Protein backbone atom coordinates (compact mmCIF):
# COMPACT_ATOMS: atom_id res chain seq x y z
CA HIS A 1 -16.57 -8.92 6.00
CA ARG A 2 -17.18 -8.77 2.23
CA LEU A 3 -13.84 -10.41 1.46
CA ALA A 4 -14.66 -13.34 3.76
CA GLU A 5 -18.10 -13.68 2.15
CA ALA A 6 -16.34 -13.83 -1.24
CA GLY A 7 -14.17 -16.72 -0.04
CA ALA A 8 -11.07 -14.98 1.28
CA VAL A 9 -9.33 -16.75 4.14
CA ILE A 10 -8.53 -14.29 6.93
CA ILE A 11 -5.21 -15.35 8.47
CA GLY A 12 -4.75 -12.68 11.12
CA LYS A 13 -4.15 -9.08 12.03
CA THR A 14 -0.98 -7.06 11.58
CA ASN A 15 0.65 -4.23 13.52
CA MET A 16 0.31 -0.62 12.55
CA THR A 17 1.44 2.66 13.99
CA GLU A 18 -0.35 3.85 17.09
CA PHE A 19 -3.49 5.81 16.15
CA ALA A 20 -2.32 5.77 12.49
CA PHE A 21 -0.24 8.86 13.28
CA THR A 22 3.07 8.27 11.51
CA ALA A 23 4.22 7.52 7.99
CA ILE A 24 7.35 5.60 9.03
CA GLY A 25 5.48 2.59 10.42
CA ASP A 26 6.89 2.34 13.94
CA ASN A 27 5.06 0.86 16.91
CA MET A 28 6.97 1.06 20.18
CA HIS A 29 4.30 -0.85 22.10
CA TYR A 30 3.84 -3.99 19.99
CA GLY A 31 6.90 -3.94 17.74
CA THR A 32 7.68 -2.41 14.39
CA PRO A 33 7.43 -4.87 11.50
CA GLY A 34 10.74 -5.29 9.68
CA ASN A 35 10.92 -4.26 6.04
CA PRO A 36 11.07 -7.56 4.08
CA VAL A 37 13.89 -6.32 1.86
CA ASP A 38 16.01 -5.03 4.74
CA PRO A 39 14.67 -5.45 8.31
CA GLY A 40 16.80 -2.50 9.41
CA ARG A 41 14.82 -0.12 7.22
CA ILE A 42 11.41 1.35 8.00
CA PRO A 43 8.30 -0.39 6.65
CA GLY A 44 6.29 2.80 6.10
CA GLY A 45 2.97 3.45 7.70
CA SER A 46 0.61 3.67 9.08
CA SER A 47 -0.49 0.31 7.61
CA SER A 48 3.03 -1.04 8.16
CA GLY A 49 2.13 -4.63 9.02
CA ALA A 50 -0.17 -4.88 6.00
CA GLY A 51 2.63 -3.80 3.65
CA VAL A 52 5.19 -6.10 5.26
CA SER A 53 2.79 -9.07 5.24
CA VAL A 54 2.29 -8.83 1.48
CA GLY A 55 5.92 -7.90 0.81
CA GLU A 56 7.31 -10.94 2.63
CA GLY A 57 4.69 -13.28 1.13
CA THR A 58 2.79 -14.02 4.34
CA SER A 59 -0.42 -12.88 2.66
CA ASP A 60 -1.55 -12.27 -0.90
CA ILE A 61 -3.74 -9.33 0.08
CA SER A 62 -3.87 -7.14 3.18
CA ILE A 63 -6.23 -4.37 4.18
CA GLY A 64 -5.10 -0.93 5.27
CA SER A 65 -6.56 2.44 6.04
CA ASP A 66 -5.38 5.63 4.36
CA THR A 67 -5.90 9.28 5.22
CA GLY A 68 -2.69 10.80 3.90
CA GLY A 69 -0.62 7.91 2.52
CA SER A 70 -1.06 5.09 5.03
CA ILE A 71 -1.68 2.46 2.33
CA ARG A 72 0.45 3.98 -0.41
CA ILE A 73 3.60 4.59 1.66
CA PRO A 74 3.97 1.04 3.05
CA ALA A 75 3.12 -0.35 -0.39
CA ALA A 76 5.94 1.67 -1.93
CA LEU A 77 8.47 0.82 0.78
CA ASN A 78 7.69 -2.92 0.72
CA GLY A 79 7.56 -3.37 -3.06
CA VAL A 80 3.85 -4.11 -3.36
CA VAL A 81 0.75 -2.48 -4.85
CA GLY A 82 -1.42 -0.27 -2.66
CA PHE A 83 -4.65 1.49 -3.57
CA LYS A 84 -6.45 4.29 -1.74
CA PRO A 85 -10.03 4.28 -3.01
CA THR A 86 -12.23 7.35 -3.05
CA ALA A 87 -13.40 8.16 0.48
CA ARG A 88 -16.40 6.04 1.54
CA ARG A 89 -16.17 3.72 -1.49
CA VAL A 90 -15.56 0.98 1.07
CA PRO A 91 -17.61 1.31 4.27
CA LEU A 92 -15.64 2.47 7.32
CA THR A 93 -17.48 -0.02 9.54
CA GLY A 94 -15.10 -1.20 12.26
CA ALA A 95 -12.54 1.50 11.49
CA PHE A 96 -11.69 4.50 13.62
CA PRO A 97 -11.44 7.28 11.04
CA LEU A 98 -9.13 10.23 11.53
CA SER A 99 -11.12 12.19 8.94
CA GLY A 100 -14.59 11.24 7.77
CA THR A 101 -14.01 12.99 4.44
CA MET A 102 -10.51 11.71 3.68
CA ASP A 103 -10.21 8.23 5.19
CA SER A 104 -10.42 5.17 2.98
CA ILE A 105 -10.14 1.44 3.52
CA GLY A 106 -8.17 -0.18 0.73
CA PRO A 107 -6.09 -3.17 -0.34
CA LEU A 108 -2.40 -3.90 -0.52
CA ALA A 109 -1.51 -6.79 -2.82
CA ARG A 110 1.26 -8.33 -4.91
CA THR A 111 -0.27 -7.33 -8.25
CA VAL A 112 -2.52 -4.64 -9.67
CA SER A 113 -5.05 -7.35 -10.64
CA GLN A 114 -5.22 -8.67 -7.06
CA CYS A 115 -5.53 -5.14 -5.73
CA ALA A 116 -8.35 -4.29 -8.16
CA ALA A 117 -10.23 -7.50 -7.34
CA ALA A 118 -9.96 -6.89 -3.58
CA ASP A 119 -11.10 -3.29 -4.02
CA ALA A 120 -14.13 -4.37 -6.04
CA VAL A 121 -15.17 -6.99 -3.48
CA MET A 122 -14.69 -4.61 -0.54
CA ALA A 123 -16.82 -2.02 -2.38
CA GLY A 124 -19.59 -4.57 -2.96
CA GLU A 125 -18.94 -5.02 -6.68
CA ALA A 126 -18.08 -8.03 -8.80
CA PRO A 127 -14.39 -8.12 -9.76
CA ASN A 128 -13.74 -7.63 -13.46
CA GLU A 129 -10.79 -8.62 -15.60
CA LEU A 130 -8.48 -5.68 -16.17
CA ALA A 131 -8.08 -4.67 -19.78
CA ALA A 132 -4.61 -3.78 -21.01
CA ILE A 133 -4.29 -0.26 -22.33
CA PRO A 134 -1.64 0.94 -24.77
CA LEU A 135 1.18 2.90 -23.16
CA ALA A 136 2.48 4.48 -26.37
CA GLY A 137 2.55 8.24 -25.95
CA LEU A 138 2.13 8.09 -22.17
CA ARG A 139 4.07 10.82 -20.39
CA ILE A 140 5.33 10.47 -16.84
CA GLY A 141 6.62 13.38 -14.77
CA ILE A 142 10.03 12.70 -13.22
CA PRO A 143 10.91 14.72 -10.11
CA ARG A 144 14.33 16.36 -10.08
CA GLY A 145 16.06 19.19 -8.24
CA VAL A 146 15.62 19.69 -4.50
CA LEU A 147 14.06 16.25 -4.01
CA PHE A 148 17.37 14.67 -4.96
CA GLY A 149 19.74 17.04 -3.15
CA ASP A 150 20.61 14.68 -0.29
CA ILE A 151 20.02 11.22 -1.77
CA GLU A 152 22.20 8.17 -1.12
CA GLY A 153 24.15 6.97 -4.15
CA GLY A 154 22.53 3.52 -4.08
CA VAL A 155 19.05 5.02 -3.98
CA ALA A 156 19.84 7.35 -6.90
CA ALA A 157 21.24 4.43 -8.92
CA ALA A 158 18.16 2.30 -8.22
CA PHE A 159 15.90 5.19 -9.21
CA GLU A 160 17.75 5.72 -12.50
CA HIS A 161 17.69 1.96 -13.18
CA CYS A 162 13.90 1.91 -12.72
CA LEU A 163 13.51 4.91 -15.02
CA GLY A 164 15.46 3.00 -17.67
CA ARG A 165 13.08 0.05 -17.35
CA ILE A 166 9.99 2.15 -18.05
CA GLU A 167 11.43 4.13 -20.98
């Protein structure tokens, strides 16, 4: 509603998991969206279609709902940006919340700037330019140990490559 009032062109609706109950993104009734990088892999969910739509370039911004990762998981698996705002920052009008205290409506987008602008509009605020902040001295925790006990070689190599890019 607020995005359309701000000039966004709504191009359609996307599939999601039934009742928003799975993180893998499957929908046996209406079809599971294919991951844009590899259609044989899961798209993540529950906002699977939203993540795929942005990841494949069908849309610049999509809207998802998130209780326990339903925006963030498909964003991660489809190579896009996803943001779960604080609960009730964006009105839940038209949504069917699983948890009134944890559910959020939030954007998935190609860039952090697009995601921040969509979040601001959906929350009833004016979008602001994002200011760059210095990253010198920033520390990032890197998981190791049991999380990597049964990882495919290609996934481990990609992870290490990405770590090298942010060092």
